[in-house]
């Protein structure tokens, strides 16, 4: 089964075309990294898969259903921009529980707390369960959001720059736990990232996007100078494939 299938997907936001004629298939259990410059439509693409935005034309299927017809429990989402006020008087566990019910609960049942603690343990953050949100670092809050997205054990995980605010050691742990979850649940992962080294190391396939789909294949196929320059412009893509092979970050 295809986890995601789009055909000639186009989307206008007002008079501006955000996505143009995107056709792709993502197999169930696959890890796909999405690369592209700022304003390329990457986050918009995820919002179409979530059913938040309706395409202007073309077809979109998630697990062979229209996005708004998919069971919400099948999809976990970690946004890039966190709209939550860090001073909101809540505990980490309470935020994770919102992933179970899509709303804040006045009281947390024993079953909800057990599920939240299980999700926190999956991301190595069980020690943060009773910590106020205001006391969390950026990296810790990112882990809580990941736990929130995994609370219902989704089949599809959509990640918008998930490693933001996480240090190098934490980032290594983060991708390790994603790999473990994917293997255990046969989950599909679509992840927006600006880190081409991460895309090369962890993704089965890479989508290069700049409103149009400029490349979709293995890292070796898509992360070449020709494809990256078509997305970022000559000499403006952040890291050449030759640099990746040499291990250089210059």
Protein backbone atom coordinates (compact mmCIF):
# COMPACT_ATOMS: atom_id res chain seq x y z
CA UNK A 1 0.00 0.00 0.00
CA UNK A 2 1.09 3.57 -0.67
CA UNK A 3 1.13 5.76 2.43
CA UNK A 4 1.00 8.89 0.24
CA UNK A 5 0.03 9.25 -3.40
CA UNK A 6 -0.31 12.59 -5.16
CA UNK A 7 -1.08 13.20 -8.83
CA UNK A 8 -0.74 16.62 -10.43
CA UNK A 9 -1.20 18.27 -7.04
CA UNK A 10 -1.39 22.05 -7.33
CA UNK A 11 -2.30 24.62 -4.71
CA UNK A 12 -2.86 28.36 -4.88
CA UNK A 13 -2.78 30.51 -1.77
CA UNK A 14 -4.56 33.62 -2.95
CA UNK A 15 -3.00 34.46 -6.29
CA UNK A 16 0.32 32.80 -5.45
CA UNK A 17 0.97 29.24 -6.54
CA UNK A 18 2.44 27.38 -3.57
CA UNK A 19 2.61 23.92 -5.18
CA UNK A 20 2.61 23.01 -8.88
CA UNK A 21 1.85 19.65 -10.51
CA UNK A 22 3.39 17.41 -7.84
CA UNK A 23 3.09 13.69 -8.51
CA UNK A 24 4.71 11.22 -6.15
CA UNK A 25 4.19 7.91 -4.36
CA UNK A 26 5.56 7.15 -0.90
CA UNK A 27 5.53 3.50 0.07
CA UNK A 28 4.34 2.40 3.49
CA UNK A 29 7.30 2.07 5.88
CA UNK A 30 9.49 4.47 3.90
CA UNK A 31 11.53 7.39 5.30
CA UNK A 32 11.41 10.39 2.96
CA UNK A 33 13.33 13.61 3.57
CA UNK A 34 12.00 16.81 1.98
CA UNK A 35 14.58 19.41 0.96
CA UNK A 36 14.16 22.86 -0.52
CA UNK A 37 14.76 26.55 0.16
CA UNK A 38 12.61 28.69 2.42
CA UNK A 39 9.26 29.39 0.77
CA UNK A 40 9.46 26.26 -1.38
CA UNK A 41 6.10 24.91 -0.19
CA UNK A 42 7.48 22.15 2.04
CA UNK A 43 5.30 22.91 5.09
CA UNK A 44 2.37 23.59 2.78
CA UNK A 45 2.78 20.11 1.31
CA UNK A 46 2.54 18.54 4.78
CA UNK A 47 -0.58 20.59 5.53
CA UNK A 48 -2.20 19.20 2.38
CA UNK A 49 -1.45 15.66 3.59
CA UNK A 50 -2.98 16.56 6.96
CA UNK A 51 -6.13 17.82 5.27
CA UNK A 52 -5.61 21.32 6.66
CA UNK A 53 -5.32 22.72 3.12
CA UNK A 54 -7.35 21.54 0.13
CA UNK A 55 -5.53 21.30 -3.22
CA UNK A 56 -6.68 23.63 -5.96
CA UNK A 57 -6.39 20.78 -8.46
CA UNK A 58 -5.05 17.26 -8.69
CA UNK A 59 -5.47 14.30 -6.37
CA UNK A 60 -4.08 13.47 -2.93
CA UNK A 61 -4.49 10.14 -1.16
CA UNK A 62 -3.19 9.13 2.26
CA UNK A 63 -3.51 5.39 2.84
CA UNK A 64 -5.79 5.38 -0.23
CA UNK A 65 -8.20 7.88 1.31
CA UNK A 66 -8.66 11.62 1.01
CA UNK A 67 -6.70 13.28 3.83
CA UNK A 68 -9.80 14.46 5.71
CA UNK A 69 -11.22 10.92 5.63
CA UNK A 70 -8.16 9.35 7.29
CA UNK A 71 -8.46 8.33 10.93
CA UNK A 72 -6.59 11.11 12.83
CA UNK A 73 -4.96 8.43 14.99
CA UNK A 74 -3.07 7.22 11.90
CA UNK A 75 -1.11 10.47 11.54
CA UNK A 76 1.35 12.09 13.92
CA UNK A 77 2.55 15.64 13.24
CA UNK A 78 5.32 17.77 14.73
CA UNK A 79 5.10 21.36 13.42
CA UNK A 80 8.09 23.62 13.04
CA UNK A 81 6.46 26.65 14.64
CA UNK A 82 5.19 26.00 18.15
CA UNK A 83 2.26 28.32 18.87
CA UNK A 84 1.99 27.22 22.50
CA UNK A 85 2.83 29.90 25.05
CA UNK A 86 5.79 28.50 26.98
CA UNK A 87 4.37 30.08 30.13
CA UNK A 88 1.09 28.20 29.81
CA UNK A 89 0.58 26.53 33.22
CA UNK A 90 0.75 22.89 32.15
CA UNK A 91 3.00 19.87 32.62
CA UNK A 92 4.74 17.90 29.91
CA UNK A 93 2.38 14.97 30.46
CA UNK A 94 -0.63 17.20 29.90
CA UNK A 95 0.75 18.35 26.55
CA UNK A 96 1.32 14.76 25.46
CA UNK A 97 -2.28 13.89 26.41
CA UNK A 98 -3.52 16.52 23.94
CA UNK A 99 -2.15 14.19 21.27
CA UNK A 100 -4.65 11.58 22.43
CA UNK A 101 -7.71 13.83 22.51
CA UNK A 102 -6.80 16.87 20.36
CA UNK A 103 -7.76 19.09 23.27
CA UNK A 104 -6.66 19.99 26.79
CA UNK A 105 -8.21 17.83 29.49
CA UNK A 106 -9.25 19.19 32.87
CA UNK A 107 -8.43 15.86 34.43
CA UNK A 108 -6.13 13.15 33.15
CA UNK A 109 -7.38 9.61 33.57
CA UNK A 110 -5.11 6.80 34.68
CA UNK A 111 -5.31 5.30 31.18
CA UNK A 112 -4.33 8.61 29.55
CA UNK A 113 -1.41 9.07 31.91
CA UNK A 114 -0.19 5.55 31.19
CA UNK A 115 -0.36 6.19 27.44
CA UNK A 116 1.42 9.54 27.82
CA UNK A 117 4.18 8.03 29.95
CA UNK A 118 4.64 5.27 27.37
CA UNK A 119 5.04 7.88 24.62
CA UNK A 120 7.48 9.88 26.73
CA UNK A 121 9.50 6.75 27.38
CA UNK A 122 9.65 6.07 23.63
CA UNK A 123 11.43 9.39 23.12
CA UNK A 124 13.65 9.12 26.19
CA UNK A 125 11.79 11.83 28.09
CA UNK A 126 9.97 9.98 30.87
CA UNK A 127 11.97 12.00 33.41
CA UNK A 128 10.27 15.16 32.09
CA UNK A 129 6.72 13.91 32.69
CA UNK A 130 5.88 16.21 35.60
CA UNK A 131 8.02 19.14 34.58
CA UNK A 132 6.27 22.45 33.78
CA UNK A 133 6.47 23.49 30.14
CA UNK A 134 8.10 26.75 31.22
CA UNK A 135 11.03 24.75 32.66
CA UNK A 136 11.79 22.86 29.44
CA UNK A 137 14.65 23.68 27.12
CA UNK A 138 14.01 23.97 23.40
CA UNK A 139 15.33 20.46 22.79
CA UNK A 140 13.27 19.03 25.65
CA UNK A 141 10.11 20.68 24.35
CA UNK A 142 10.79 19.19 20.92
CA UNK A 143 10.93 15.72 22.48
CA UNK A 144 7.61 16.36 24.24
CA UNK A 145 6.04 17.33 20.92
CA UNK A 146 7.41 14.16 19.36
CA UNK A 147 5.96 12.11 22.21
CA UNK A 148 2.65 13.90 21.65
CA UNK A 149 2.72 12.91 17.96
CA UNK A 150 3.47 9.26 18.84
CA UNK A 151 0.92 8.92 21.63
CA UNK A 152 -1.59 7.08 19.43
CA UNK A 153 1.09 5.08 17.62
CA UNK A 154 0.48 6.58 14.18
CA UNK A 155 1.23 4.88 10.89
CA UNK A 156 2.40 8.13 9.23
CA UNK A 157 4.62 10.71 10.94
CA UNK A 158 5.00 14.19 9.44
CA UNK A 159 7.92 16.16 10.83
CA UNK A 160 8.68 19.80 10.06
CA UNK A 161 12.33 20.42 10.95
CA UNK A 162 12.07 18.27 14.08
CA UNK A 163 15.67 18.63 15.27
CA UNK A 164 15.43 22.41 15.75
CA UNK A 165 16.83 23.35 19.16
CA UNK A 166 18.33 19.92 19.83
CA UNK A 167 22.09 19.63 20.44
CA UNK A 168 24.29 17.19 18.50
CA UNK A 169 24.06 14.38 21.05
CA UNK A 170 20.32 14.83 21.38
CA UNK A 171 19.92 14.88 17.61
CA UNK A 172 21.70 11.53 17.29
CA UNK A 173 19.36 10.06 19.92
CA UNK A 174 16.39 11.64 18.17
CA UNK A 175 17.06 9.92 14.84
CA UNK A 176 17.87 6.65 16.60
CA UNK A 177 14.47 6.62 18.32
CA UNK A 178 12.73 7.54 15.06
CA UNK A 179 14.42 4.58 13.39
CA UNK A 180 13.39 2.29 16.23
CA UNK A 181 9.77 3.43 16.10
CA UNK A 182 9.69 3.06 12.33
CA UNK A 183 11.05 -0.48 12.50
CA UNK A 184 8.71 -1.55 15.30
CA UNK A 185 5.56 -0.04 13.78
CA UNK A 186 6.40 -0.15 10.05
CA UNK A 187 5.68 3.58 10.18
CA UNK A 188 6.13 5.95 7.27
CA UNK A 189 8.07 9.15 7.93
CA UNK A 190 8.07 12.36 5.90
CA UNK A 191 10.51 14.88 7.32
CA UNK A 192 11.30 18.41 6.25
CA UNK A 193 14.92 19.28 6.89
CA UNK A 194 17.53 21.78 5.76
CA UNK A 195 20.29 19.40 6.82
CA UNK A 196 21.34 17.53 3.71
CA UNK A 197 23.75 15.36 5.66
CA UNK A 198 20.83 14.11 7.78
CA UNK A 199 18.78 13.47 4.64
CA UNK A 200 21.63 11.50 3.09
CA UNK A 201 22.24 9.44 6.23
CA UNK A 202 18.68 8.58 7.26
CA UNK A 203 16.28 8.80 4.31
CA UNK A 204 15.41 6.02 1.89
CA UNK A 205 14.42 8.66 -0.63
CA UNK A 206 14.74 12.42 -0.88
CA UNK A 207 12.19 14.84 -2.30
CA UNK A 208 13.69 18.08 -3.64
CA UNK A 209 10.95 20.67 -3.75
CA UNK A 210 10.67 24.25 -4.85
CA UNK A 211 6.96 24.60 -5.55
CA UNK A 212 7.54 21.93 -8.19
CA UNK A 213 8.99 18.49 -7.58
CA UNK A 214 12.53 18.82 -8.88
CA UNK A 215 13.78 15.43 -7.77
CA UNK A 216 12.50 12.33 -6.01
CA UNK A 217 14.72 9.30 -5.55
CA UNK A 218 17.52 7.89 -3.47
CA UNK A 219 19.91 10.41 -1.86
CA UNK A 220 22.52 9.48 -4.46
CA UNK A 221 20.06 10.19 -7.29
CA UNK A 222 18.63 13.46 -6.04
CA UNK A 223 21.38 15.14 -4.04
CA UNK A 224 23.52 15.95 -7.04
CA UNK A 225 24.66 19.42 -8.05
CA UNK A 226 22.23 19.63 -10.97
CA UNK A 227 19.16 18.84 -8.87
CA UNK A 228 20.17 20.95 -5.88
CA UNK A 229 21.07 23.93 -8.01
CA UNK A 230 17.69 23.75 -9.72
CA UNK A 231 16.12 24.11 -6.26
CA UNK A 232 18.46 26.53 -4.51
CA UNK A 233 20.05 28.34 -7.46
CA UNK A 234 23.68 28.23 -8.62
CA UNK A 235 26.14 28.20 -5.71
CA UNK A 236 23.32 28.73 -3.21
CA UNK A 237 22.49 25.22 -2.12
CA UNK A 238 23.84 24.71 1.42
CA UNK A 239 25.93 21.59 0.94
CA UNK A 240 27.26 19.78 -2.11
CA UNK A 241 27.08 16.03 -2.41
CA UNK A 242 30.85 15.95 -2.83
CA UNK A 243 31.12 17.67 0.57
CA UNK A 244 28.87 15.00 2.07
CA UNK A 245 31.05 12.21 0.74
CA UNK A 246 34.15 13.92 2.09
CA UNK A 247 32.51 14.57 5.45
CA UNK A 248 33.17 18.31 5.06
CA UNK A 249 30.88 20.96 6.52
CA UNK A 250 32.63 23.88 4.86
